[in-house]
Amino acid sequence: MAQFAPMLDRRLLPWLAALALLLGLAGAAQAHPHVWIDATVNLVFKDKKVEAMNVTWVFDEAYSAATIADFGKHQKGKMDKAELAGLVGESTKSLAHYSFFTYVQVDGVRHRTDAVEDFTAEVKGGRLIYRFTVPVAPAADPARQRFEFLLFDETYYVFVGLVEKGKAITTSGDAPELCTDSRKQDLTTPLYFGYDYPTIVRVSCQ
């Protein structure tokens, strides 16, 4: 298979407080992205239908360093299991207000992500990494339905970008033998007063 952003309310997103202080944000006027995420997606198939999306985020070095410094109190530059668990708890609660930056679209109908499963965090090579699973319910059949998804922060504080085409999207389970993906800008969803638009990814299978 071809392998496959916003200012956040800091009261709702305490996990971004360290970065906001680091950058000296003055207020609402500075809405362009201050956090960058490299994302990959694994589509989980069952009975030839997409039943879940395994999403991985790798945060940029500056945000990673700020978060590790803010939450990693016991050992400089690192976070232990308890500290990671605390970060996961705060992030899960906060990101729910922003659909976990993940939207599933089936036959043109867009669905927000209100809850995810198996949310984990780790630090690897100095980078903060989040992993979580987005259920697709009911399961979607990309051979008969128009299955699409978008990754974006509606406030344009965080930029979520799929890594280069050919490496961003994979499949697992009993996926059809031939699946392809295509990308285009979603011009119906302007970000930051039309400064940018999210990417919509369509997955088609035969």
N, C-alpha and C. Protein backbone atom coordinates (compact mmCIF):
# COMPACT_ATOMS: atom_id res chain seq x y z
N MET A 1 0.84 -1.19 0.00
CA MET A 1 0.00 0.00 0.00
C MET A 1 0.87 1.24 0.00
N ALA A 2 0.44 2.26 -0.69
CA ALA A 2 1.16 3.52 -0.62
C ALA A 2 1.08 4.03 0.81
N GLN A 3 2.22 4.31 1.45
CA GLN A 3 2.18 4.73 2.84
C GLN A 3 1.61 6.16 2.97
N PHE A 4 0.96 6.09 3.71
CA PHE A 4 0.30 7.36 3.83
C PHE A 4 1.48 8.38 4.04
N ALA A 5 -3.70 23.09 12.67
CA ALA A 5 -2.56 23.52 13.29
C ALA A 5 -2.88 24.90 13.79
N PRO A 6 -2.58 27.38 15.47
CA PRO A 6 -3.63 27.24 16.43
C PRO A 6 -3.20 27.53 17.84
N MET A 7 -3.87 28.33 18.37
CA MET A 7 -3.54 28.63 19.74
C MET A 7 -4.45 27.85 20.66
N LEU A 8 -3.88 27.14 21.64
CA LEU A 8 -4.66 26.34 22.55
C LEU A 8 -4.93 27.13 23.82
N ASP A 9 -6.07 26.86 24.43
CA ASP A 9 -6.41 27.46 25.71
C ASP A 9 -5.53 26.82 26.77
N ARG A 10 -4.60 27.58 27.32
CA ARG A 10 -3.65 26.99 28.26
C ARG A 10 -4.33 26.52 29.54
N ARG A 11 -5.51 27.09 29.87
CA ARG A 11 -6.22 26.59 31.04
C ARG A 11 -6.72 25.18 30.81
N LEU A 12 -7.02 24.87 29.55
CA LEU A 12 -7.48 23.53 29.22
C LEU A 12 -6.33 22.61 28.84
N LEU A 13 -5.17 23.19 28.49
CA LEU A 13 -4.03 22.39 28.05
C LEU A 13 -2.81 22.70 28.92
N PRO A 14 -2.81 22.26 30.16
CA PRO A 14 -1.68 22.53 31.04
C PRO A 14 -0.39 21.92 30.55
N TRP A 15 -0.49 20.89 29.73
CA TRP A 15 0.72 20.25 29.23
C TRP A 15 1.49 21.13 28.27
N LEU A 16 0.88 22.25 27.80
CA LEU A 16 1.58 23.18 26.94
C LEU A 16 2.10 24.41 27.69
N ALA A 17 1.86 24.47 28.99
CA ALA A 17 2.23 25.65 29.74
C ALA A 17 3.73 25.92 29.68
N ALA A 18 4.52 24.86 29.78
CA ALA A 18 5.97 25.05 29.76
C ALA A 18 6.43 25.69 28.46
N LEU A 19 5.87 25.24 27.36
CA LEU A 19 6.27 25.80 26.07
C LEU A 19 5.82 27.24 25.94
N ALA A 20 4.61 27.54 26.41
CA ALA A 20 4.11 28.91 26.33
C ALA A 20 5.02 29.86 27.09
N LEU A 21 5.47 29.44 28.26
CA LEU A 21 6.37 30.27 29.04
C LEU A 21 7.72 30.39 28.35
N LEU A 22 8.18 29.30 27.79
CA LEU A 22 9.48 29.31 27.13
C LEU A 22 9.51 30.30 25.98
N LEU A 23 8.43 30.34 25.22
CA LEU A 23 8.38 31.20 24.05
C LEU A 23 7.93 32.62 24.39
N GLY A 24 7.49 32.85 25.64
CA GLY A 24 7.08 34.18 26.02
C GLY A 24 5.88 34.67 25.25
N LEU A 25 4.88 33.80 25.08
CA LEU A 25 3.71 34.18 24.30
C LEU A 25 3.00 35.36 24.96
N ALA A 26 2.68 36.38 24.16
CA ALA A 26 2.06 37.58 24.70
C ALA A 26 0.55 37.44 24.81
N GLY A 27 -0.06 36.65 23.97
CA GLY A 27 -1.51 36.53 24.03
C GLY A 27 -2.09 36.01 22.74
N ALA A 28 -3.34 36.34 22.51
CA ALA A 28 -4.08 35.74 21.40
C ALA A 28 -3.56 36.16 20.03
N ALA A 29 -2.77 37.21 19.96
CA ALA A 29 -2.32 37.67 18.66
C ALA A 29 -1.37 36.69 17.99
N GLN A 30 -0.68 35.88 18.79
CA GLN A 30 0.31 34.96 18.23
C GLN A 30 -0.30 33.58 18.10
N ALA A 31 -0.97 33.33 16.99
CA ALA A 31 -1.68 32.07 16.81
C ALA A 31 -1.00 31.13 15.86
N HIS A 32 0.09 31.57 15.22
CA HIS A 32 0.75 30.67 14.29
C HIS A 32 1.38 29.52 15.06
N PRO A 33 1.65 28.38 14.42
CA PRO A 33 2.10 27.20 15.16
C PRO A 33 3.37 27.45 15.98
N HIS A 34 3.35 26.94 17.20
CA HIS A 34 4.51 26.98 18.08
C HIS A 34 4.96 25.57 18.46
N VAL A 35 4.16 24.58 18.11
CA VAL A 35 4.49 23.18 18.37
C VAL A 35 4.32 22.42 17.06
N TRP A 36 5.29 21.55 16.76
CA TRP A 36 5.23 20.77 15.53
C TRP A 36 5.25 19.28 15.86
N ILE A 37 4.39 18.55 15.18
CA ILE A 37 4.28 17.11 15.38
C ILE A 37 4.45 16.40 14.05
N ASP A 38 5.33 15.41 14.01
CA ASP A 38 5.43 14.49 12.88
C ASP A 38 4.54 13.29 13.19
N ALA A 39 3.57 13.04 12.34
CA ALA A 39 2.59 11.99 12.62
C ALA A 39 2.67 10.85 11.63
N THR A 40 2.38 9.66 12.12
CA THR A 40 2.18 8.49 11.27
C THR A 40 0.90 7.81 11.71
N VAL A 41 0.29 7.07 10.79
CA VAL A 41 -0.99 6.42 11.07
C VAL A 41 -0.95 4.98 10.58
N ASN A 42 -1.38 4.07 11.42
CA ASN A 42 -1.56 2.68 11.04
C ASN A 42 -3.04 2.36 11.06
N LEU A 43 -3.58 1.98 9.89
CA LEU A 43 -4.99 1.63 9.81
C LEU A 43 -5.18 0.16 10.17
N VAL A 44 -6.02 -0.10 11.15
CA VAL A 44 -6.25 -1.47 11.61
C VAL A 44 -7.52 -2.01 10.95
N PHE A 45 -7.36 -3.07 10.19
CA PHE A 45 -8.48 -3.67 9.46
C PHE A 45 -8.99 -4.93 10.16
N LYS A 46 -10.29 -5.13 10.08
CA LYS A 46 -10.92 -6.38 10.49
C LYS A 46 -12.05 -6.65 9.51
N ASP A 47 -12.10 -7.84 8.95
CA ASP A 47 -13.10 -8.18 7.93
C ASP A 47 -13.06 -7.17 6.79
N LYS A 48 -11.85 -6.75 6.41
CA LYS A 48 -11.61 -5.84 5.28
C LYS A 48 -12.12 -4.42 5.54
N LYS A 49 -12.47 -4.11 6.77
CA LYS A 49 -12.96 -2.78 7.13
C LYS A 49 -12.02 -2.13 8.14
N VAL A 50 -11.93 -0.80 8.09
CA VAL A 50 -11.10 -0.07 9.05
C VAL A 50 -11.86 0.05 10.36
N GLU A 51 -11.32 -0.56 11.42
CA GLU A 51 -11.99 -0.48 12.71
C GLU A 51 -11.26 0.42 13.70
N ALA A 52 -10.03 0.84 13.35
CA ALA A 52 -9.29 1.72 14.26
C ALA A 52 -8.12 2.35 13.52
N MET A 53 -7.60 3.43 14.10
CA MET A 53 -6.40 4.09 13.60
C MET A 53 -5.40 4.18 14.74
N ASN A 54 -4.24 3.59 14.56
CA ASN A 54 -3.16 3.73 15.54
C ASN A 54 -2.34 4.95 15.13
N VAL A 55 -2.34 5.97 15.98
CA VAL A 55 -1.69 7.24 15.66
C VAL A 55 -0.43 7.41 16.51
N THR A 56 0.64 7.85 15.87
CA THR A 56 1.89 8.15 16.57
C THR A 56 2.28 9.59 16.31
N TRP A 57 2.60 10.32 17.38
CA TRP A 57 3.08 11.69 17.27
C TRP A 57 4.51 11.77 17.78
N VAL A 58 5.37 12.41 17.05
CA VAL A 58 6.73 12.71 17.51
C VAL A 58 6.84 14.23 17.58
N PHE A 59 7.01 14.77 18.78
CA PHE A 59 7.04 16.21 18.97
C PHE A 59 8.41 16.79 18.61
N ASP A 60 8.40 18.07 18.25
CA ASP A 60 9.64 18.75 17.90
C ASP A 60 10.55 18.84 19.12
N GLU A 61 11.82 19.10 18.87
CA GLU A 61 12.83 19.08 19.94
C GLU A 61 12.58 20.14 21.00
N ALA A 62 12.16 21.34 20.61
CA ALA A 62 11.96 22.42 21.58
C ALA A 62 10.81 22.09 22.53
N TYR A 63 9.68 21.64 21.97
CA TYR A 63 8.56 21.30 22.85
C TYR A 63 8.89 20.10 23.72
N SER A 64 9.56 19.11 23.13
CA SER A 64 9.95 17.94 23.90
C SER A 64 10.80 18.34 25.10
N ALA A 65 11.80 19.19 24.87
CA ALA A 65 12.70 19.60 25.94
C ALA A 65 11.95 20.36 27.03
N ALA A 66 11.03 21.24 26.61
CA ALA A 66 10.27 22.03 27.59
C ALA A 66 9.38 21.13 28.44
N THR A 67 8.73 20.17 27.81
CA THR A 67 7.83 19.28 28.54
C THR A 67 8.60 18.36 29.48
N ILE A 68 9.71 17.83 29.00
CA ILE A 68 10.54 16.96 29.85
C ILE A 68 11.04 17.74 31.05
N ALA A 69 11.46 18.98 30.84
CA ALA A 69 11.93 19.80 31.96
C ALA A 69 10.81 20.10 32.95
N ASP A 70 9.59 20.29 32.44
CA ASP A 70 8.47 20.65 33.29
C ASP A 70 7.94 19.46 34.09
N PHE A 71 7.89 18.28 33.46
CA PHE A 71 7.31 17.12 34.12
C PHE A 71 8.37 16.18 34.72
N GLY A 72 9.59 16.21 34.19
CA GLY A 72 10.63 15.30 34.69
C GLY A 72 11.36 15.89 35.87
N LYS A 73 10.84 15.68 37.05
CA LYS A 73 11.37 16.32 38.25
C LYS A 73 12.48 15.52 38.92
N HIS A 74 12.57 14.23 38.65
CA HIS A 74 13.49 13.38 39.41
C HIS A 74 14.85 13.23 38.76
N GLN A 75 14.90 13.29 37.45
CA GLN A 75 16.18 13.14 36.76
C GLN A 75 16.21 14.04 35.54
N LYS A 76 17.17 14.92 35.47
CA LYS A 76 17.24 15.91 34.41
C LYS A 76 17.27 15.25 33.03
N GLY A 77 16.42 15.75 32.15
CA GLY A 77 16.39 15.25 30.78
C GLY A 77 15.64 13.95 30.60
N LYS A 78 15.00 13.46 31.67
CA LYS A 78 14.29 12.19 31.57
C LYS A 78 12.97 12.27 32.32
N MET A 79 12.11 11.31 32.06
CA MET A 79 10.85 11.19 32.78
C MET A 79 10.66 9.73 33.19
N ASP A 80 10.32 9.52 34.46
CA ASP A 80 10.10 8.15 34.91
C ASP A 80 8.66 7.74 34.61
N LYS A 81 8.31 6.51 34.96
CA LYS A 81 6.99 5.99 34.62
C LYS A 81 5.87 6.79 35.26
N ALA A 82 6.07 7.21 36.50
CA ALA A 82 5.03 7.98 37.19
C ALA A 82 4.84 9.35 36.52
N GLU A 83 5.94 9.97 36.13
CA GLU A 83 5.86 11.28 35.48
C GLU A 83 5.20 11.17 34.11
N LEU A 84 5.52 10.12 33.37
CA LEU A 84 4.89 9.90 32.07
C LEU A 84 3.39 9.64 32.24
N ALA A 85 3.05 8.89 33.28
CA ALA A 85 1.63 8.61 33.54
C ALA A 85 0.88 9.90 33.87
N GLY A 86 1.52 10.79 34.62
CA GLY A 86 0.88 12.07 34.92
C GLY A 86 0.68 12.91 33.68
N LEU A 87 1.67 12.90 32.80
CA LEU A 87 1.56 13.64 31.54
C LEU A 87 0.44 13.07 30.68
N VAL A 88 0.36 11.74 30.61
CA VAL A 88 -0.70 11.09 29.83
C VAL A 88 -2.08 11.47 30.36
N GLY A 89 -2.21 11.48 31.69
CA GLY A 89 -3.49 11.83 32.29
C GLY A 89 -3.94 13.23 31.93
N GLU A 90 -3.04 14.20 32.04
CA GLU A 90 -3.38 15.58 31.71
C GLU A 90 -3.63 15.74 30.21
N SER A 91 -2.79 15.11 29.40
CA SER A 91 -2.92 15.26 27.95
C SER A 91 -4.22 14.65 27.45
N THR A 92 -4.57 13.48 27.94
CA THR A 92 -5.80 12.82 27.51
C THR A 92 -7.01 13.68 27.80
N LYS A 93 -7.05 14.24 29.01
CA LYS A 93 -8.18 15.08 29.39
C LYS A 93 -8.23 16.35 28.53
N SER A 94 -7.09 16.96 28.31
CA SER A 94 -7.05 18.22 27.57
C SER A 94 -7.32 18.04 26.09
N LEU A 95 -6.69 17.03 25.48
CA LEU A 95 -6.83 16.82 24.04
C LEU A 95 -8.25 16.44 23.63
N ALA A 96 -9.03 15.91 24.58
CA ALA A 96 -10.42 15.57 24.27
C ALA A 96 -11.20 16.81 23.84
N HIS A 97 -10.80 17.99 24.33
CA HIS A 97 -11.48 19.23 23.94
C HIS A 97 -11.17 19.60 22.49
N TYR A 98 -10.12 19.00 21.94
CA TYR A 98 -9.67 19.35 20.59
C TYR A 98 -9.69 18.15 19.65
N SER A 99 -10.57 17.17 19.96
CA SER A 99 -10.75 16.00 19.11
C SER A 99 -9.46 15.23 18.90
N PHE A 100 -8.52 15.36 19.85
CA PHE A 100 -7.22 14.70 19.73
C PHE A 100 -6.56 15.03 18.39
N PHE A 101 -6.90 16.19 17.83
CA PHE A 101 -6.38 16.64 16.54
C PHE A 101 -6.65 15.62 15.43
N THR A 102 -7.64 14.76 15.63
CA THR A 102 -7.90 13.67 14.68
C THR A 102 -9.38 13.62 14.32
N TYR A 103 -9.66 13.63 13.02
CA TYR A 103 -11.04 13.60 12.54
C TYR A 103 -11.16 12.51 11.48
N VAL A 104 -12.21 11.69 11.62
CA VAL A 104 -12.50 10.63 10.63
C VAL A 104 -13.71 11.08 9.81
N GLN A 105 -13.63 10.88 8.52
CA GLN A 105 -14.70 11.31 7.62
C GLN A 105 -15.12 10.13 6.75
N VAL A 106 -16.40 9.78 6.79
CA VAL A 106 -16.93 8.66 6.01
C VAL A 106 -18.08 9.17 5.15
N ASP A 107 -17.94 8.99 3.84
CA ASP A 107 -18.94 9.46 2.89
C ASP A 107 -19.28 10.93 3.13
N GLY A 108 -18.26 11.72 3.41
CA GLY A 108 -18.43 13.16 3.57
C GLY A 108 -18.88 13.63 4.93
N VAL A 109 -19.18 12.71 5.83
CA VAL A 109 -19.63 13.08 7.18
C VAL A 109 -18.43 13.03 8.13
N ARG A 110 -18.11 14.17 8.73
CA ARG A 110 -16.94 14.26 9.61
C ARG A 110 -17.30 13.95 11.05
N HIS A 111 -16.45 13.16 11.70
CA HIS A 111 -16.68 12.77 13.08
C HIS A 111 -15.51 13.22 13.96
N ARG A 112 -15.83 13.85 15.08
CA ARG A 112 -14.81 14.22 16.04
C ARG A 112 -14.36 12.99 16.83
N THR A 113 -13.20 13.09 17.45
CA THR A 113 -12.69 12.02 18.30
C THR A 113 -12.86 12.44 19.75
N ASP A 114 -13.82 11.84 20.42
CA ASP A 114 -14.10 12.21 21.81
C ASP A 114 -13.30 11.40 22.81
N ALA A 115 -12.85 10.23 22.41
CA ALA A 115 -12.08 9.38 23.32
C ALA A 115 -11.16 8.50 22.51
N VAL A 116 -10.02 8.16 23.09
CA VAL A 116 -9.07 7.26 22.45
C VAL A 116 -8.73 6.12 23.40
N GLU A 117 -8.03 5.14 22.89
CA GLU A 117 -7.62 3.99 23.69
C GLU A 117 -6.10 3.87 23.67
N ASP A 118 -5.60 3.21 24.71
CA ASP A 118 -4.17 2.85 24.78
C ASP A 118 -3.24 4.04 24.58
N PHE A 119 -3.54 5.15 25.24
CA PHE A 119 -2.70 6.35 25.14
C PHE A 119 -1.42 6.13 25.95
N THR A 120 -0.28 6.26 25.30
CA THR A 120 1.00 6.12 26.00
C THR A 120 1.92 7.26 25.62
N ALA A 121 2.94 7.48 26.44
CA ALA A 121 3.95 8.50 26.17
C ALA A 121 5.31 7.92 26.52
N GLU A 122 6.32 8.33 25.75
CA GLU A 122 7.68 7.93 26.05
C GLU A 122 8.62 9.01 25.55
N VAL A 123 9.84 8.96 26.03
CA VAL A 123 10.88 9.86 25.56
C VAL A 123 11.95 9.00 24.90
N LYS A 124 12.25 9.32 23.65
CA LYS A 124 13.23 8.54 22.91
C LYS A 124 14.10 9.49 22.08
N GLY A 125 15.40 9.41 22.30
CA GLY A 125 16.31 10.28 21.57
C GLY A 125 16.04 11.76 21.83
N GLY A 126 15.57 12.07 23.04
CA GLY A 126 15.27 13.44 23.38
C GLY A 126 13.95 13.95 22.86
N ARG A 127 13.18 13.12 22.18
CA ARG A 127 11.89 13.53 21.60
C ARG A 127 10.75 12.88 22.39
N LEU A 128 9.73 13.67 22.65
CA LEU A 128 8.52 13.16 23.29
C LEU A 128 7.65 12.51 22.23
N ILE A 129 7.16 11.31 22.53
CA ILE A 129 6.36 10.54 21.58
C ILE A 129 5.05 10.12 22.24
N TYR A 130 3.95 10.39 21.57
CA TYR A 130 2.63 9.94 22.00
C TYR A 130 2.15 8.87 21.03
N ARG A 131 1.47 7.88 21.58
CA ARG A 131 0.80 6.87 20.77
C ARG A 131 -0.59 6.64 21.33
N PHE A 132 -1.59 6.52 20.45
CA PHE A 132 -2.94 6.23 20.91
C PHE A 132 -3.74 5.64 19.76
N THR A 133 -4.87 5.03 20.10
CA THR A 133 -5.73 4.37 19.12
C THR A 133 -7.06 5.09 19.04
N VAL A 134 -7.46 5.42 17.83
CA VAL A 134 -8.75 6.05 17.58
C VAL A 134 -9.71 5.00 17.02
N PRO A 135 -10.76 4.63 17.76
CA PRO A 135 -11.72 3.66 17.22
C PRO A 135 -12.50 4.26 16.05
N VAL A 136 -12.78 3.44 15.05
CA VAL A 136 -13.63 3.84 13.93
C VAL A 136 -14.91 3.02 14.04
N ALA A 137 -15.97 3.66 14.52
CA ALA A 137 -17.22 2.93 14.78
C ALA A 137 -18.41 3.71 14.21
N PRO A 138 -19.19 3.05 13.34
CA PRO A 138 -18.97 1.69 12.85
C PRO A 138 -17.76 1.62 11.93
N ALA A 139 -17.24 0.41 11.79
CA ALA A 139 -16.08 0.21 10.93
C ALA A 139 -16.41 0.65 9.51
N ALA A 140 -15.40 1.19 8.83
CA ALA A 140 -15.61 1.74 7.48
C ALA A 140 -15.00 0.82 6.43
N ASP A 141 -15.68 0.70 5.32
CA ASP A 141 -15.23 -0.14 4.21
C ASP A 141 -14.70 0.76 3.09
N PRO A 142 -13.38 0.96 3.01
CA PRO A 142 -12.83 1.87 2.00
C PRO A 142 -12.96 1.37 0.57
N ALA A 143 -13.49 0.16 0.38
CA ALA A 143 -13.76 -0.33 -0.97
C ALA A 143 -15.13 0.12 -1.44
N ARG A 144 -16.02 0.43 -0.51
CA ARG A 144 -17.39 0.82 -0.87
C ARG A 144 -17.78 2.20 -0.34
N GLN A 145 -17.00 2.71 0.61
CA GLN A 145 -17.29 4.01 1.18
C GLN A 145 -16.11 4.96 0.96
N ARG A 146 -16.39 6.25 1.00
CA ARG A 146 -15.31 7.23 0.91
C ARG A 146 -14.75 7.44 2.31
N PHE A 147 -13.61 6.84 2.55
CA PHE A 147 -12.99 6.90 3.88
C PHE A 147 -11.85 7.91 3.87
N GLU A 148 -11.93 8.89 4.75
CA GLU A 148 -10.93 9.95 4.82
C GLU A 148 -10.63 10.27 6.28
N PHE A 149 -9.49 10.90 6.49
CA PHE A 149 -9.19 11.41 7.83
C PHE A 149 -8.35 12.67 7.72
N LEU A 150 -8.39 13.47 8.79
CA LEU A 150 -7.63 14.70 8.85
C LEU A 150 -6.94 14.78 10.21
N LEU A 151 -5.75 15.34 10.23
CA LEU A 151 -5.01 15.57 11.48
C LEU A 151 -4.70 17.06 11.55
N PHE A 152 -5.37 17.78 12.44
CA PHE A 152 -5.09 19.21 12.56
C PHE A 152 -5.60 19.76 13.89
N ASP A 153 -5.00 20.86 14.30
CA ASP A 153 -5.42 21.59 15.48
C ASP A 153 -6.21 22.80 15.01
N GLU A 154 -7.47 22.87 15.36
CA GLU A 154 -8.34 23.93 14.88
C GLU A 154 -7.91 25.31 15.35
N THR A 155 -7.12 25.38 16.41
CA THR A 155 -6.67 26.68 16.92
C THR A 155 -5.36 27.14 16.27
N TYR A 156 -4.75 26.29 15.52
CA TYR A 156 -3.51 26.58 14.78
C TYR A 156 -2.33 26.93 15.69
N TYR A 157 -2.36 26.40 16.90
CA TYR A 157 -1.20 26.54 17.79
C TYR A 157 -0.22 25.39 17.53
N VAL A 158 -0.78 24.24 17.22
CA VAL A 158 0.01 23.04 16.96
C VAL A 158 -0.15 22.65 15.50
N PHE A 159 0.95 22.35 14.84
CA PHE A 159 0.90 21.87 13.47
C PHE A 159 1.16 20.37 13.47
N VAL A 160 0.20 19.62 12.97
CA VAL A 160 0.32 18.16 12.89
C VAL A 160 0.52 17.81 11.42
N GLY A 161 1.68 17.27 11.09
CA GLY A 161 1.98 16.95 9.71
C GLY A 161 2.33 15.49 9.52
N LEU A 162 1.73 14.85 8.52
CA LEU A 162 2.13 13.50 8.18
C LEU A 162 3.54 13.52 7.63
N VAL A 163 4.33 12.54 7.98
CA VAL A 163 5.67 12.46 7.44
C VAL A 163 5.57 12.20 5.94
N GLU A 164 6.69 12.22 5.27
CA GLU A 164 6.68 12.17 3.81
C GLU A 164 5.85 11.01 3.26
N LYS A 165 5.22 11.28 2.14
CA LYS A 165 4.37 10.27 1.50
C LYS A 165 5.19 9.03 1.21
N GLY A 166 4.58 7.87 1.48
CA GLY A 166 5.29 6.62 1.29
C GLY A 166 5.72 6.00 2.60
N LYS A 167 5.69 6.81 3.70
CA LYS A 167 6.09 6.29 5.00
C LYS A 167 5.08 6.59 6.09
N ALA A 168 4.12 7.46 5.82
CA ALA A 168 3.23 7.95 6.87
C ALA A 168 2.10 6.99 7.22
N ILE A 169 1.62 6.21 6.24
CA ILE A 169 0.45 5.38 6.47
C ILE A 169 0.76 3.92 6.19
N THR A 170 0.41 3.08 7.15
CA THR A 170 0.59 1.64 7.00
C THR A 170 -0.73 0.96 7.37
N THR A 171 -0.80 -0.34 7.14
CA THR A 171 -2.00 -1.09 7.50
C THR A 171 -1.62 -2.33 8.30
N SER A 172 -2.58 -2.82 9.06
CA SER A 172 -2.40 -4.08 9.78
C SER A 172 -3.75 -4.79 9.80
N GLY A 173 -3.73 -6.08 10.19
CA GLY A 173 -4.95 -6.87 10.13
C GLY A 173 -5.17 -7.39 8.72
N ASP A 174 -6.43 -7.70 8.38
CA ASP A 174 -6.71 -8.29 7.07
C ASP A 174 -7.11 -7.21 6.07
N ALA A 175 -6.19 -6.31 5.80
CA ALA A 175 -6.45 -5.24 4.84
C ALA A 175 -6.54 -5.82 3.43
N PRO A 176 -7.34 -5.20 2.56
CA PRO A 176 -7.37 -5.62 1.16
C PRO A 176 -5.97 -5.54 0.55
N GLU A 177 -5.73 -6.31 -0.48
CA GLU A 177 -4.40 -6.36 -1.07
C GLU A 177 -3.99 -5.04 -1.72
N LEU A 178 -4.95 -4.34 -2.30
CA LEU A 178 -4.62 -3.12 -3.01
C LEU A 178 -5.34 -1.93 -2.37
N CYS A 179 -4.57 -1.09 -1.69
CA CYS A 179 -5.10 0.14 -1.12
C CYS A 179 -4.17 1.29 -1.50
N THR A 180 -4.74 2.43 -1.76
CA THR A 180 -3.94 3.61 -2.09
C THR A 180 -4.46 4.78 -1.27
N ASP A 181 -3.61 5.80 -1.13
CA ASP A 181 -4.05 7.00 -0.44
C ASP A 181 -3.73 8.22 -1.28
N SER A 182 -4.53 9.23 -1.14
CA SER A 182 -4.29 10.50 -1.82
C SER A 182 -4.51 11.63 -0.83
N ARG A 183 -3.86 12.77 -1.09
CA ARG A 183 -3.95 13.91 -0.19
C ARG A 183 -4.33 15.17 -0.96
N LYS A 184 -5.08 16.02 -0.28
CA LYS A 184 -5.39 17.33 -0.83
C LYS A 184 -5.74 18.27 0.32
N GLN A 185 -5.69 19.57 0.06
CA GLN A 185 -6.06 20.54 1.07
C GLN A 185 -7.58 20.56 1.21
N ASP A 186 -8.03 20.66 2.47
CA ASP A 186 -9.46 20.79 2.73
C ASP A 186 -9.81 22.27 2.79
N LEU A 187 -10.25 22.82 1.68
CA LEU A 187 -10.51 24.25 1.58
C LEU A 187 -11.79 24.67 2.29
N THR A 188 -12.53 23.71 2.83
CA THR A 188 -13.74 24.04 3.59
C THR A 188 -13.43 24.30 5.05
N THR A 189 -12.17 24.10 5.47
CA THR A 189 -11.80 24.26 6.88
C THR A 189 -10.62 25.21 7.00
N PRO A 190 -10.84 26.51 6.91
CA PRO A 190 -9.72 27.45 7.02
C PRO A 190 -9.17 27.50 8.43
N LEU A 191 -7.84 27.56 8.53
CA LEU A 191 -7.18 27.69 9.82
C LEU A 191 -6.56 29.07 9.92
N TYR A 192 -6.67 29.67 11.08
CA TYR A 192 -6.11 30.99 11.33
C TYR A 192 -6.53 31.98 10.24
N PHE A 193 -7.86 32.12 10.07
CA PHE A 193 -8.44 33.08 9.13
C PHE A 193 -8.01 32.81 7.68
N GLY A 194 -7.84 31.53 7.36
CA GLY A 194 -7.50 31.16 6.00
C GLY A 194 -6.02 31.19 5.68
N TYR A 195 -5.18 31.36 6.70
CA TYR A 195 -3.73 31.35 6.48
C TYR A 195 -3.27 29.98 6.00
N ASP A 196 -3.94 28.94 6.45
CA ASP A 196 -3.58 27.58 6.07
C ASP A 196 -4.84 26.73 6.06
N TYR A 197 -4.70 25.51 5.51
CA TYR A 197 -5.81 24.57 5.46
C TYR A 197 -5.28 23.18 5.81
N PRO A 198 -6.07 22.37 6.51
CA PRO A 198 -5.60 21.02 6.84
C PRO A 198 -5.57 20.12 5.61
N THR A 199 -4.82 19.06 5.73
CA THR A 199 -4.74 18.06 4.66
C THR A 199 -5.77 16.97 4.92
N ILE A 200 -6.52 16.63 3.89
CA ILE A 200 -7.46 15.53 4.01
C ILE A 200 -6.88 14.34 3.25
N VAL A 201 -6.83 13.20 3.90
CA VAL A 201 -6.26 11.98 3.33
C VAL A 201 -7.39 11.02 2.99
N ARG A 202 -7.47 10.60 1.75
CA ARG A 202 -8.46 9.64 1.35
C ARG A 202 -7.81 8.30 1.10
N VAL A 203 -8.40 7.24 1.65
CA VAL A 203 -7.88 5.89 1.49
C VAL A 203 -8.91 5.07 0.69
N SER A 204 -8.44 4.51 -0.41
CA SER A 204 -9.32 3.72 -1.27
C SER A 204 -8.74 2.31 -1.42
N CYS A 205 -9.61 1.30 -1.37
CA CYS A 205 -9.14 -0.07 -1.50
C CYS A 205 -9.99 -0.81 -2.53
N GLN A 206 -9.40 -1.84 -3.09
CA GLN A 206 -10.11 -2.69 -4.04
C GLN A 206 -10.14 -4.11 -3.55
